[in-house]
Amino acid sequence: MRRIWSRLSLALTAVTALLVTGGTAAAEPTQLPVNYSVLQWFSDTNNAKPPYNPPGGNDWSCLPDAAHPRPVVLVHGITGNGAGWPAMSPLLHNYGYCVFSVTYGIYPGQAGLIAGMGGLEPVPQSSTELRDFVNRVLATTGADKVDLLTWSEGTLVAANYLLFDGGNKAVAQSFNLVPIWAGTQAADPLINAAYGLGVQAPVFAALRPICQGCVDMLPTSPFIQNLQAAGVYAPEVHYTNLVTRADTEVVPYTSGIREAPNATNIVLQDICPVNLAGHNSVSVDPTVAALVLNTFTPDTITEIPCAPSPTPYI
């Protein structure tokens, strides 16, 4: 069961946790350790077994309180699963949120090296899995709406859900780590070679049963083109986009920046110039974690921690 702590106790504990990088953060005995480590994320993701619960997450007996009325739903990236949140999930839990983490996009029968790797199915299909998961969270907790914390491909899954699957009625705000609104050009050398050789059709056809989600992230994909044409954002929802100039997977990193009255765009280095956290390490970064907390509940962290990332460009 979720412990209810005084505001002072929570603040002192979590600020201490935020100031510790590259390892397990200090925590009160009754709270969960917050692990700011890419290696821990990698281990948790790849060693996870169904139902892929992260630390402090997917406690279906958790009920929101007046200070945190909306549960937070975590939406992982490609090849990830719901277990891969060693920092954000326990931190939000320690602050009193009900935290839930979806696993989406796993093809039926996946085994061997790709067992437990999510995000491989088409993004619109993954979007329906997110919709059903959020509906379960709302029904179980009695909350009116949830907030989303999305990451990488998860930003696209959430975008589809919010625009086309009724998520605009169930979600108040979405904090998006390294979003891919305009697609990523990271695979351009291979894609250009396929087009140059005239073999793009069979290449994409071969990917569909293996990783259609990979294809959906390309700037030229029908999914990205449809998302852009629809305006990306649902007007009823507030979006916060966190991008990093050290991103080597969303290329260019500005793919995640889109102006709108209901959007806030944050470049990590504008907040902390020495922090070169990359596409993966933003999910386990203390500066980013503080920004997430202050978005969901303003003024939670009065001083945003700033330090070099122990895993730059990762």
C-alpha atoms as a PDB file:
ATOM      1  CA  MET A   1       0.000   0.000   0.000  1.00  0.00           C
ATOM      2  CA  ARG A   2       1.129   3.470  -0.769  1.00  0.00           C
ATOM      3  CA  ARG A   3       2.425   5.382   2.269  1.00  0.00           C
ATOM      4  CA  ILE A   4       1.184   8.908   2.877  1.00  0.00           C
ATOM      5  CA  TRP A   5       3.986  11.161   4.104  1.00  0.00           C
ATOM      6  CA  SER A   6       4.045  14.747   5.176  1.00  0.00           C
ATOM      7  CA  ARG A   7       5.009  17.243   2.477  1.00  0.00           C
ATOM      8  CA  LEU A   8       8.213  18.119   4.346  1.00  0.00           C
ATOM      9  CA  SER A   9       9.345  14.519   4.657  1.00  0.00           C
ATOM     10  CA  LEU A  10       8.669  13.833   0.977  1.00  0.00           C
ATOM     11  CA  ALA A  11      10.477  16.961  -0.130  1.00  0.00           C
ATOM     12  CA  LEU A  12      13.606  16.261   1.920  1.00  0.00           C
ATOM     13  CA  THR A  13      13.770  12.645   0.812  1.00  0.00           C
ATOM     14  CA  ALA A  14      13.188  13.219  -2.885  1.00  0.00           C
ATOM     15  CA  VAL A  15      15.468  16.230  -3.167  1.00  0.00           C
ATOM     16  CA  THR A  16      18.214  14.090  -1.660  1.00  0.00           C
ATOM     17  CA  ALA A  17      17.410  11.407  -4.223  1.00  0.00           C
ATOM     18  CA  LEU A  18      17.502  13.877  -7.085  1.00  0.00           C
ATOM     19  CA  LEU A  19      20.953  15.099  -6.146  1.00  0.00           C
ATOM     20  CA  VAL A  20      22.467  11.604  -6.341  1.00  0.00           C
ATOM     21  CA  THR A  21      23.396  10.468  -9.870  1.00  0.00           C
ATOM     22  CA  GLY A  22      24.844   7.290 -11.281  1.00  0.00           C
ATOM     23  CA  GLY A  23      23.606   4.807  -8.696  1.00  0.00           C
ATOM     24  CA  THR A  24      20.875   4.167  -6.212  1.00  0.00           C
ATOM     25  CA  ALA A  25      19.663   7.374  -4.591  1.00  0.00           C
ATOM     26  CA  ALA A  26      19.323   7.753  -0.848  1.00  0.00           C
ATOM     27  CA  ALA A  27      15.813   7.132   0.433  1.00  0.00           C
ATOM     28  CA  GLU A  28      13.957   6.694   3.707  1.00  0.00           C
ATOM     29  CA  PRO A  29      13.601   3.014   4.680  1.00  0.00           C
ATOM     30  CA  THR A  30       9.908   3.005   3.870  1.00  0.00           C
ATOM     31  CA  GLN A  31      10.472   4.505   0.402  1.00  0.00           C
ATOM     32  CA  LEU A  32      11.840   2.860  -2.719  1.00  0.00           C
ATOM     33  CA  PRO A  33      15.366   3.402  -4.057  1.00  0.00           C
ATOM     34  CA  VAL A  34      15.538   5.659  -7.107  1.00  0.00           C
ATOM     35  CA  ASN A  35      18.149   4.382  -9.529  1.00  0.00           C
ATOM     36  CA  TYR A  36      19.606   6.926 -11.967  1.00  0.00           C
ATOM     37  CA  SER A  37      21.488   4.441 -14.114  1.00  0.00           C
ATOM     38  CA  VAL A  38      21.274   3.515 -17.795  1.00  0.00           C
ATOM     39  CA  LEU A  39      22.752   0.130 -16.939  1.00  0.00           C
ATOM     40  CA  GLN A  40      19.937  -0.451 -14.447  1.00  0.00           C
ATOM     41  CA  TRP A  41      17.370   0.519 -17.079  1.00  0.00           C
ATOM     42  CA  PHE A  42      18.946  -1.900 -19.555  1.00  0.00           C
ATOM     43  CA  SER A  43      19.045  -4.693 -16.989  1.00  0.00           C
ATOM     44  CA  ASP A  44      15.481  -4.142 -15.772  1.00  0.00           C
ATOM     45  CA  THR A  45      14.137  -4.103 -19.321  1.00  0.00           C
ATOM     46  CA  ASN A  46      15.991  -7.125 -20.619  1.00  0.00           C
ATOM     47  CA  ASN A  47      15.585  -9.318 -17.554  1.00  0.00           C
ATOM     48  CA  ALA A  48      11.919  -8.521 -16.980  1.00  0.00           C
ATOM     49  CA  LYS A  49       9.187 -11.124 -17.065  1.00  0.00           C
ATOM     50  CA  PRO A  50       5.443 -10.603 -17.507  1.00  0.00           C
ATOM     51  CA  PRO A  51       3.624  -8.605 -16.235  1.00  0.00           C
ATOM     52  CA  TYR A  52       6.625  -6.208 -16.541  1.00  0.00           C
ATOM     53  CA  ASN A  53       6.052  -4.163 -13.394  1.00  0.00           C
ATOM     54  CA  PRO A  54       8.512  -1.369 -12.558  1.00  0.00           C
ATOM     55  CA  PRO A  55       9.501  -0.596  -8.953  1.00  0.00           C
ATOM     56  CA  GLY A  56       6.605   1.199  -7.295  1.00  0.00           C
ATOM     57  CA  GLY A  57       4.353   0.762 -10.309  1.00  0.00           C
ATOM     58  CA  ASN A  58       1.229  -1.214 -11.211  1.00  0.00           C
ATOM     59  CA  ASP A  59      -0.097  -1.424  -7.670  1.00  0.00           C
ATOM     60  CA  TRP A  60      -3.742  -1.912  -8.558  1.00  0.00           C
ATOM     61  CA  SER A  61      -4.796  -1.236  -4.972  1.00  0.00           C
ATOM     62  CA  CYS A  62      -3.402   2.309  -5.132  1.00  0.00           C
ATOM     63  CA  LEU A  63      -5.981   5.072  -4.800  1.00  0.00           C
ATOM     64  CA  PRO A  64      -5.242   8.720  -5.694  1.00  0.00           C
ATOM     65  CA  ASP A  65      -5.353  11.317  -2.942  1.00  0.00           C
ATOM     66  CA  ALA A  66      -6.285  14.988  -2.988  1.00  0.00           C
ATOM     67  CA  ALA A  67      -2.685  16.087  -3.523  1.00  0.00           C
ATOM     68  CA  HIS A  68      -2.187  13.684  -6.448  1.00  0.00           C
ATOM     69  CA  PRO A  69      -5.633  13.124  -7.946  1.00  0.00           C
ATOM     70  CA  ARG A  70      -4.426  11.819 -11.315  1.00  0.00           C
ATOM     71  CA  PRO A  71      -2.490   8.557 -11.681  1.00  0.00           C
ATOM     72  CA  VAL A  72       0.597   8.723 -13.884  1.00  0.00           C
ATOM     73  CA  VAL A  73       0.839   6.219 -16.747  1.00  0.00           C
ATOM     74  CA  LEU A  74       4.332   5.484 -18.093  1.00  0.00           C
ATOM     75  CA  VAL A  75       4.669   4.667 -21.802  1.00  0.00           C
ATOM     76  CA  HIS A  76       8.003   3.081 -22.811  1.00  0.00           C
ATOM     77  CA  GLY A  77       9.939   3.266 -26.085  1.00  0.00           C
ATOM     78  CA  ILE A  78      10.767   0.781 -28.825  1.00  0.00           C
ATOM     79  CA  THR A  79      12.131  -2.627 -27.692  1.00  0.00           C
ATOM     80  CA  GLY A  80      11.207  -1.633 -24.135  1.00  0.00           C
ATOM     81  CA  ASN A  81       8.558  -2.811 -21.704  1.00  0.00           C
ATOM     82  CA  GLY A  82       6.816  -1.566 -18.595  1.00  0.00           C
ATOM     83  CA  ALA A  83       9.590  -2.724 -16.253  1.00  0.00           C
ATOM     84  CA  GLY A  84      12.176  -0.323 -17.644  1.00  0.00           C
ATOM     85  CA  TRP A  85      11.613   2.689 -15.372  1.00  0.00           C
ATOM     86  CA  PRO A  86      14.149   2.362 -12.522  1.00  0.00           C
ATOM     87  CA  ALA A  87      14.134   6.091 -11.734  1.00  0.00           C
ATOM     88  CA  MET A  88      10.835   7.674 -12.740  1.00  0.00           C
ATOM     89  CA  SER A  89       8.512   4.993 -11.389  1.00  0.00           C
ATOM     90  CA  PRO A  90       9.888   4.768  -7.821  1.00  0.00           C
ATOM     91  CA  LEU A  91      10.414   8.529  -7.665  1.00  0.00           C
ATOM     92  CA  LEU A  92       6.802   9.255  -8.557  1.00  0.00           C
ATOM     93  CA  HIS A  93       5.702   6.531  -6.147  1.00  0.00           C
ATOM     94  CA  ASN A  94       7.804   8.099  -3.364  1.00  0.00           C
ATOM     95  CA  TYR A  95       6.114  11.420  -4.006  1.00  0.00           C
ATOM     96  CA  GLY A  96       2.678   9.926  -3.485  1.00  0.00           C
ATOM     97  CA  TYR A  97       1.495   9.256  -7.039  1.00  0.00           C
ATOM     98  CA  CYS A  98      -0.269   6.127  -8.175  1.00  0.00           C
ATOM     99  CA  VAL A  99       2.027   4.927 -10.961  1.00  0.00           C
ATOM    100  CA  PHE A 100       1.119   2.519 -13.736  1.00  0.00           C
ATOM    101  CA  SER A 101       3.314   1.294 -16.573  1.00  0.00           C
ATOM    102  CA  VAL A 102       1.937  -0.153 -19.783  1.00  0.00           C
ATOM    103  CA  THR A 103       3.667  -2.728 -21.968  1.00  0.00           C
ATOM    104  CA  TYR A 104       2.576  -2.517 -25.596  1.00  0.00           C
ATOM    105  CA  GLY A 105       3.514  -3.712 -29.059  1.00  0.00           C
ATOM    106  CA  ILE A 106       4.713  -7.261 -28.332  1.00  0.00           C
ATOM    107  CA  TYR A 107       4.009  -9.596 -31.242  1.00  0.00           C
ATOM    108  CA  PRO A 108       2.251 -12.852 -30.264  1.00  0.00           C
ATOM    109  CA  GLY A 109       4.707 -15.671 -29.766  1.00  0.00           C
ATOM    110  CA  GLN A 110       7.824 -13.535 -29.374  1.00  0.00           C
ATOM    111  CA  ALA A 111      10.593 -15.633 -27.849  1.00  0.00           C
ATOM    112  CA  GLY A 112      14.353 -15.880 -27.562  1.00  0.00           C
ATOM    113  CA  LEU A 113      16.307 -12.641 -27.868  1.00  0.00           C
ATOM    114  CA  ILE A 114      13.203 -10.565 -28.612  1.00  0.00           C
ATOM    115  CA  ALA A 115      11.069 -11.973 -25.794  1.00  0.00           C
ATOM    116  CA  GLY A 116       9.637  -9.071 -23.829  1.00  0.00           C
ATOM    117  CA  MET A 117      10.591  -6.456 -26.408  1.00  0.00           C
ATOM    118  CA  GLY A 118       7.676  -4.103 -26.886  1.00  0.00           C
ATOM    119  CA  GLY A 119       6.919  -1.416 -29.414  1.00  0.00           C
ATOM    120  CA  LEU A 120       7.389  -3.663 -32.437  1.00  0.00           C
ATOM    121  CA  GLU A 121       3.788  -3.784 -33.631  1.00  0.00           C
ATOM    122  CA  PRO A 122       2.240  -0.946 -35.698  1.00  0.00           C
ATOM    123  CA  VAL A 123       1.870   2.254 -33.676  1.00  0.00           C
ATOM    124  CA  PRO A 124      -1.926   2.482 -34.158  1.00  0.00           C
ATOM    125  CA  GLN A 125      -2.312  -1.057 -32.825  1.00  0.00           C
ATOM    126  CA  SER A 126      -0.131  -0.205 -29.819  1.00  0.00           C
ATOM    127  CA  SER A 127      -2.312   2.860 -29.320  1.00  0.00           C
ATOM    128  CA  THR A 128      -5.351   0.668 -28.691  1.00  0.00           C
ATOM    129  CA  GLU A 129      -3.365  -1.228 -26.050  1.00  0.00           C
ATOM    130  CA  LEU A 130      -2.575   2.061 -24.323  1.00  0.00           C
ATOM    131  CA  ARG A 131      -6.239   3.069 -24.531  1.00  0.00           C
ATOM    132  CA  ASP A 132      -7.376  -0.168 -22.902  1.00  0.00           C
ATOM    133  CA  PHE A 133      -4.704   0.143 -20.209  1.00  0.00           C
ATOM    134  CA  VAL A 134      -5.701   3.716 -19.323  1.00  0.00           C
ATOM    135  CA  ASN A 135      -9.351   2.675 -19.189  1.00  0.00           C
ATOM    136  CA  ARG A 136      -8.408  -0.033 -16.704  1.00  0.00           C
ATOM    137  CA  VAL A 137      -6.452   2.463 -14.593  1.00  0.00           C
ATOM    138  CA  LEU A 138      -9.414   4.860 -14.503  1.00  0.00           C
ATOM    139  CA  ALA A 139     -11.897   2.118 -13.667  1.00  0.00           C
ATOM    140  CA  THR A 140      -9.702   0.684 -10.904  1.00  0.00           C
ATOM    141  CA  THR A 141      -8.617   3.932  -9.269  1.00  0.00           C
ATOM    142  CA  GLY A 142     -11.821   5.920  -9.760  1.00  0.00           C
ATOM    143  CA  ALA A 143      -9.813   8.856 -11.142  1.00  0.00           C
ATOM    144  CA  ASP A 144     -11.379  11.184 -13.691  1.00  0.00           C
ATOM    145  CA  LYS A 145      -8.209  11.490 -15.776  1.00  0.00           C
ATOM    146  CA  VAL A 146      -4.568  10.416 -15.866  1.00  0.00           C
ATOM    147  CA  ASP A 147      -1.304  12.104 -16.765  1.00  0.00           C
ATOM    148  CA  LEU A 148       1.102  10.431 -19.191  1.00  0.00           C
ATOM    149  CA  LEU A 149       4.889  10.203 -19.067  1.00  0.00           C
ATOM    150  CA  THR A 150       5.936   9.000 -22.523  1.00  0.00           C
ATOM    151  CA  TRP A 151       9.324   8.217 -24.008  1.00  0.00           C
ATOM    152  CA  SER A 152      10.644   7.837 -27.559  1.00  0.00           C
ATOM    153  CA  GLU A 153       8.238   5.680 -29.627  1.00  0.00           C
ATOM    154  CA  GLY A 154       5.855   5.927 -26.692  1.00  0.00           C
ATOM    155  CA  THR A 155       5.351   9.586 -27.602  1.00  0.00           C
ATOM    156  CA  LEU A 156       3.907   8.493 -30.949  1.00  0.00           C
ATOM    157  CA  VAL A 157       1.757   5.786 -29.400  1.00  0.00           C
ATOM    158  CA  ALA A 158       0.348   8.361 -26.989  1.00  0.00           C
ATOM    159  CA  ALA A 159      -0.107  10.933 -29.756  1.00  0.00           C
ATOM    160  CA  ASN A 160      -2.193   8.474 -31.746  1.00  0.00           C
ATOM    161  CA  TYR A 161      -4.215   7.594 -28.653  1.00  0.00           C
ATOM    162  CA  LEU A 162      -4.858  11.236 -27.776  1.00  0.00           C
ATOM    163  CA  LEU A 163      -5.849  12.220 -31.313  1.00  0.00           C
ATOM    164  CA  PHE A 164      -7.619   9.161 -32.673  1.00  0.00           C
ATOM    165  CA  ASP A 165      -8.495   6.735 -29.844  1.00  0.00           C
ATOM    166  CA  GLY A 166     -10.372   8.961 -27.399  1.00  0.00           C
ATOM    167  CA  GLY A 167      -7.419   9.744 -25.149  1.00  0.00           C
ATOM    168  CA  ASN A 168      -8.265  13.454 -25.170  1.00  0.00           C
ATOM    169  CA  LYS A 169     -11.142  12.665 -22.814  1.00  0.00           C
ATOM    170  CA  ALA A 170      -9.049  10.568 -20.417  1.00  0.00           C
ATOM    171  CA  VAL A 171      -5.736  12.472 -20.209  1.00  0.00           C
ATOM    172  CA  ALA A 172      -5.022  15.888 -18.695  1.00  0.00           C
ATOM    173  CA  GLN A 173      -1.382  16.281 -19.700  1.00  0.00           C
ATOM    174  CA  SER A 174       1.409  14.381 -21.406  1.00  0.00           C
ATOM    175  CA  PHE A 175       5.087  14.843 -20.554  1.00  0.00           C
ATOM    176  CA  ASN A 176       7.046  13.553 -23.546  1.00  0.00           C
ATOM    177  CA  LEU A 177      10.694  12.510 -23.333  1.00  0.00           C
ATOM    178  CA  VAL A 178      12.544  12.913 -26.670  1.00  0.00           C
ATOM    179  CA  PRO A 179       9.388  12.899 -28.822  1.00  0.00           C
ATOM    180  CA  ILE A 180       9.422  11.995 -32.508  1.00  0.00           C
ATOM    181  CA  TRP A 181       6.628  14.162 -33.916  1.00  0.00           C
ATOM    182  CA  ALA A 182       8.275  14.559 -37.338  1.00  0.00           C
ATOM    183  CA  GLY A 183       9.942  11.132 -37.378  1.00  0.00           C
ATOM    184  CA  THR A 184      13.638  10.370 -37.086  1.00  0.00           C
ATOM    185  CA  GLN A 185      16.272  10.422 -39.811  1.00  0.00           C
ATOM    186  CA  ALA A 186      18.668   8.215 -37.833  1.00  0.00           C
ATOM    187  CA  ALA A 187      18.224   5.374 -40.342  1.00  0.00           C
ATOM    188  CA  ASP A 188      18.527   7.619 -43.419  1.00  0.00           C
ATOM    189  CA  PRO A 189      21.704   5.983 -44.800  1.00  0.00           C
ATOM    190  CA  LEU A 190      19.977   2.599 -44.934  1.00  0.00           C
ATOM    191  CA  ILE A 191      16.662   4.013 -46.150  1.00  0.00           C
ATOM    192  CA  ASN A 192      18.340   6.066 -48.864  1.00  0.00           C
ATOM    193  CA  ALA A 193      20.265   3.009 -49.985  1.00  0.00           C
ATOM    194  CA  ALA A 194      17.025   1.023 -50.212  1.00  0.00           C
ATOM    195  CA  TYR A 195      15.383   3.741 -52.298  1.00  0.00           C
ATOM    196  CA  GLY A 196      18.509   4.116 -54.430  1.00  0.00           C
ATOM    197  CA  LEU A 197      18.468   0.418 -55.207  1.00  0.00           C
ATOM    198  CA  GLY A 198      14.726   0.416 -55.771  1.00  0.00           C
ATOM    199  CA  VAL A 199      14.154  -2.210 -53.071  1.00  0.00           C
ATOM    200  CA  GLN A 200      12.288  -0.076 -50.518  1.00  0.00           C
ATOM    201  CA  ALA A 201       8.988  -1.959 -50.981  1.00  0.00           C
ATOM    202  CA  PRO A 202      10.369  -5.441 -50.176  1.00  0.00           C
ATOM    203  CA  VAL A 203      12.510  -4.029 -47.351  1.00  0.00           C
ATOM    204  CA  PHE A 204       9.516  -2.409 -45.668  1.00  0.00           C
ATOM    205  CA  ALA A 205       7.401  -5.508 -46.320  1.00  0.00           C
ATOM    206  CA  ALA A 206      10.032  -7.645 -44.603  1.00  0.00           C
ATOM    207  CA  LEU A 207      10.017  -5.346 -41.573  1.00  0.00           C
ATOM    208  CA  ARG A 208       6.246  -5.395 -41.041  1.00  0.00           C
ATOM    209  CA  PRO A 209       6.066  -8.772 -39.268  1.00  0.00           C
ATOM    210  CA  ILE A 210       9.270  -8.004 -37.329  1.00  0.00           C
ATOM    211  CA  CYS A 211       9.130  -4.307 -36.434  1.00  0.00           C
ATOM    212  CA  GLN A 212       6.409  -2.254 -38.054  1.00  0.00           C
ATOM    213  CA  GLY A 213       6.905   0.215 -35.222  1.00  0.00           C
ATOM    214  CA  CYS A 214      10.383   0.902 -36.655  1.00  0.00           C
ATOM    215  CA  VAL A 215       8.883   1.803 -40.030  1.00  0.00           C
ATOM    216  CA  ASP A 216       6.236   4.004 -38.433  1.00  0.00           C
ATOM    217  CA  MET A 217       8.953   6.249 -36.961  1.00  0.00           C
ATOM    218  CA  LEU A 218      10.439   7.174 -40.343  1.00  0.00           C
ATOM    219  CA  PRO A 219       9.665  10.717 -41.572  1.00  0.00           C
ATOM    220  CA  THR A 220       8.250   9.334 -44.822  1.00  0.00           C
ATOM    221  CA  SER A 221       5.996   6.756 -43.165  1.00  0.00           C
ATOM    222  CA  PRO A 222       2.232   7.014 -43.690  1.00  0.00           C
ATOM    223  CA  PHE A 223       1.853   7.149 -39.909  1.00  0.00           C
ATOM    224  CA  ILE A 224       4.066  10.228 -39.469  1.00  0.00           C
ATOM    225  CA  GLN A 225       2.505  11.917 -42.468  1.00  0.00           C
ATOM    226  CA  ASN A 226      -0.982  11.322 -41.057  1.00  0.00           C
ATOM    227  CA  LEU A 227       0.063  12.537 -37.593  1.00  0.00           C
ATOM    228  CA  GLN A 228       1.510  15.737 -39.025  1.00  0.00           C
ATOM    229  CA  ALA A 229      -1.568  16.357 -41.156  1.00  0.00           C
ATOM    230  CA  ALA A 230      -3.767  15.965 -38.062  1.00  0.00           C
ATOM    231  CA  GLY A 231      -1.756  18.566 -36.138  1.00  0.00           C
ATOM    232  CA  VAL A 232      -0.006  16.147 -33.710  1.00  0.00           C
ATOM    233  CA  TYR A 233      -1.727  17.561 -30.619  1.00  0.00           C
ATOM    234  CA  ALA A 234      -5.212  17.061 -29.195  1.00  0.00           C
ATOM    235  CA  PRO A 235      -6.299  20.581 -28.172  1.00  0.00           C
ATOM    236  CA  GLU A 236      -7.801  19.442 -24.863  1.00  0.00           C
ATOM    237  CA  VAL A 237      -4.493  18.050 -23.566  1.00  0.00           C
ATOM    238  CA  HIS A 238      -1.384  19.943 -22.444  1.00  0.00           C
ATOM    239  CA  TYR A 239       1.899  18.648 -23.862  1.00  0.00           C
ATOM    240  CA  THR A 240       5.380  19.148 -22.413  1.00  0.00           C
ATOM    241  CA  ASN A 241       8.178  18.105 -24.763  1.00  0.00           C
ATOM    242  CA  LEU A 242      11.676  17.456 -23.384  1.00  0.00           C
ATOM    243  CA  VAL A 243      14.401  17.178 -26.036  1.00  0.00           C
ATOM    244  CA  THR A 244      18.181  16.959 -25.805  1.00  0.00           C
ATOM    245  CA  ARG A 245      20.805  18.187 -28.248  1.00  0.00           C
ATOM    246  CA  ALA A 246      22.759  15.033 -27.361  1.00  0.00           C
ATOM    247  CA  ASP A 247      20.103  12.787 -28.937  1.00  0.00           C
ATOM    248  CA  THR A 248      21.637  10.424 -31.499  1.00  0.00           C
ATOM    249  CA  GLU A 249      18.440   8.445 -32.120  1.00  0.00           C
ATOM    250  CA  VAL A 250      15.897  11.182 -32.817  1.00  0.00           C
ATOM    251  CA  VAL A 251      17.599  13.005 -35.681  1.00  0.00           C
ATOM    252  CA  PRO A 252      17.308  15.930 -35.751  1.00  0.00           C
ATOM    253  CA  TYR A 253      16.428  16.384 -32.089  1.00  0.00           C
ATOM    254  CA  THR A 254      14.132  19.255 -33.132  1.00  0.00           C
ATOM    255  CA  SER A 255      11.708  16.628 -34.443  1.00  0.00           C
ATOM    256  CA  GLY A 256      10.369  16.688 -30.894  1.00  0.00           C
ATOM    257  CA  ILE A 257       9.670  20.422 -30.851  1.00  0.00           C
ATOM    258  CA  ARG A 258       6.306  21.649 -32.054  1.00  0.00           C
ATOM    259  CA  GLU A 259       4.815  24.989 -31.107  1.00  0.00           C
ATOM    260  CA  ALA A 260       1.198  25.274 -29.990  1.00  0.00           C
ATOM    261  CA  PRO A 261      -0.821  27.141 -27.344  1.00  0.00           C
ATOM    262  CA  ASN A 262      -1.159  23.901 -25.385  1.00  0.00           C
ATOM    263  CA  ALA A 263       2.505  22.868 -25.620  1.00  0.00           C
ATOM    264  CA  THR A 264       5.658  23.640 -23.652  1.00  0.00           C
ATOM    265  CA  ASN A 265       9.001  22.821 -25.277  1.00  0.00           C
ATOM    266  CA  ILE A 266      12.121  22.278 -23.166  1.00  0.00           C
ATOM    267  CA  VAL A 267      15.661  21.762 -24.462  1.00  0.00           C
ATOM    268  CA  LEU A 268      17.552  20.014 -21.665  1.00  0.00           C
ATOM    269  CA  GLN A 269      20.735  22.014 -22.240  1.00  0.00           C
ATOM    270  CA  ASP A 270      18.814  25.282 -21.859  1.00  0.00           C
ATOM    271  CA  ILE A 271      18.101  24.178 -18.275  1.00  0.00           C
ATOM    272  CA  CYS A 272      21.467  22.557 -17.571  1.00  0.00           C
ATOM    273  CA  PRO A 273      24.140  23.266 -20.210  1.00  0.00           C
ATOM    274  CA  VAL A 274      26.588  20.657 -18.881  1.00  0.00           C
ATOM    275  CA  ASN A 275      24.028  17.856 -18.992  1.00  0.00           C
ATOM    276  CA  LEU A 276      24.506  15.886 -22.211  1.00  0.00           C
ATOM    277  CA  ALA A 277      22.091  13.073 -21.424  1.00  0.00           C
ATOM    278  CA  GLY A 278      21.138  11.278 -24.610  1.00  0.00           C
ATOM    279  CA  HIS A 279      18.053   9.540 -25.922  1.00  0.00           C
ATOM    280  CA  ASN A 280      18.079   6.745 -23.343  1.00  0.00           C
ATOM    281  CA  SER A 281      19.686   8.418 -20.351  1.00  0.00           C
ATOM    282  CA  VAL A 282      17.036  11.164 -20.179  1.00  0.00           C
ATOM    283  CA  SER A 283      14.759   8.535 -18.648  1.00  0.00           C
ATOM    284  CA  VAL A 284      17.121   8.133 -15.688  1.00  0.00           C
ATOM    285  CA  ASP A 285      18.304  11.724 -15.331  1.00  0.00           C
ATOM    286  CA  PRO A 286      17.826  13.790 -12.118  1.00  0.00           C
ATOM    287  CA  THR A 287      17.357  17.096 -13.967  1.00  0.00           C
ATOM    288  CA  VAL A 288      14.670  15.582 -16.164  1.00  0.00           C
ATOM    289  CA  ALA A 289      13.046  13.905 -13.170  1.00  0.00           C
ATOM    290  CA  ALA A 290      12.738  17.249 -11.384  1.00  0.00           C
ATOM    291  CA  LEU A 291      11.178  18.824 -14.473  1.00  0.00           C
ATOM    292  CA  VAL A 292       8.659  15.974 -14.651  1.00  0.00           C
ATOM    293  CA  LEU A 293       7.693  16.423 -11.003  1.00  0.00           C
ATOM    294  CA  ASN A 294       7.315  20.186 -11.396  1.00  0.00           C
ATOM    295  CA  THR A 295       5.110  19.697 -14.439  1.00  0.00           C
ATOM    296  CA  PHE A 296       2.736  17.283 -12.751  1.00  0.00           C
ATOM    297  CA  THR A 297       2.706  19.291  -9.511  1.00  0.00           C
ATOM    298  CA  PRO A 298       4.205  22.796  -9.892  1.00  0.00           C
ATOM    299  CA  ASP A 299       6.879  23.904  -7.390  1.00  0.00           C
ATOM    300  CA  THR A 300       7.485  20.381  -6.109  1.00  0.00           C
ATOM    301  CA  ILE A 301      11.236  20.884  -6.585  1.00  0.00           C
ATOM    302  CA  THR A 302      12.330  24.431  -5.807  1.00  0.00           C
ATOM    303  CA  GLU A 303      15.863  24.050  -7.202  1.00  0.00           C
ATOM    304  CA  ILE A 304      16.416  21.942 -10.314  1.00  0.00           C
ATOM    305  CA  PRO A 305      19.581  19.828  -9.933  1.00  0.00           C
ATOM    306  CA  CYS A 306      22.217  20.314 -12.634  1.00  0.00           C
ATOM    307  CA  ALA A 307      25.250  18.113 -13.222  1.00  0.00           C
ATOM    308  CA  PRO A 308      27.011  16.409 -16.148  1.00  0.00           C
ATOM    309  CA  SER A 309      25.360  13.180 -17.235  1.00  0.00           C
ATOM    310  CA  PRO A 310      27.422  10.096 -16.339  1.00  0.00           C
ATOM    311  CA  THR A 311      26.339   8.591 -19.684  1.00  0.00           C
ATOM    312  CA  PRO A 312      26.447  11.439 -22.230  1.00  0.00           C
ATOM    313  CA  TYR A 313      24.977  10.850 -25.692  1.00  0.00           C
ATOM    314  CA  ILE A 314      23.608   7.452 -24.610  1.00  0.00           C
END
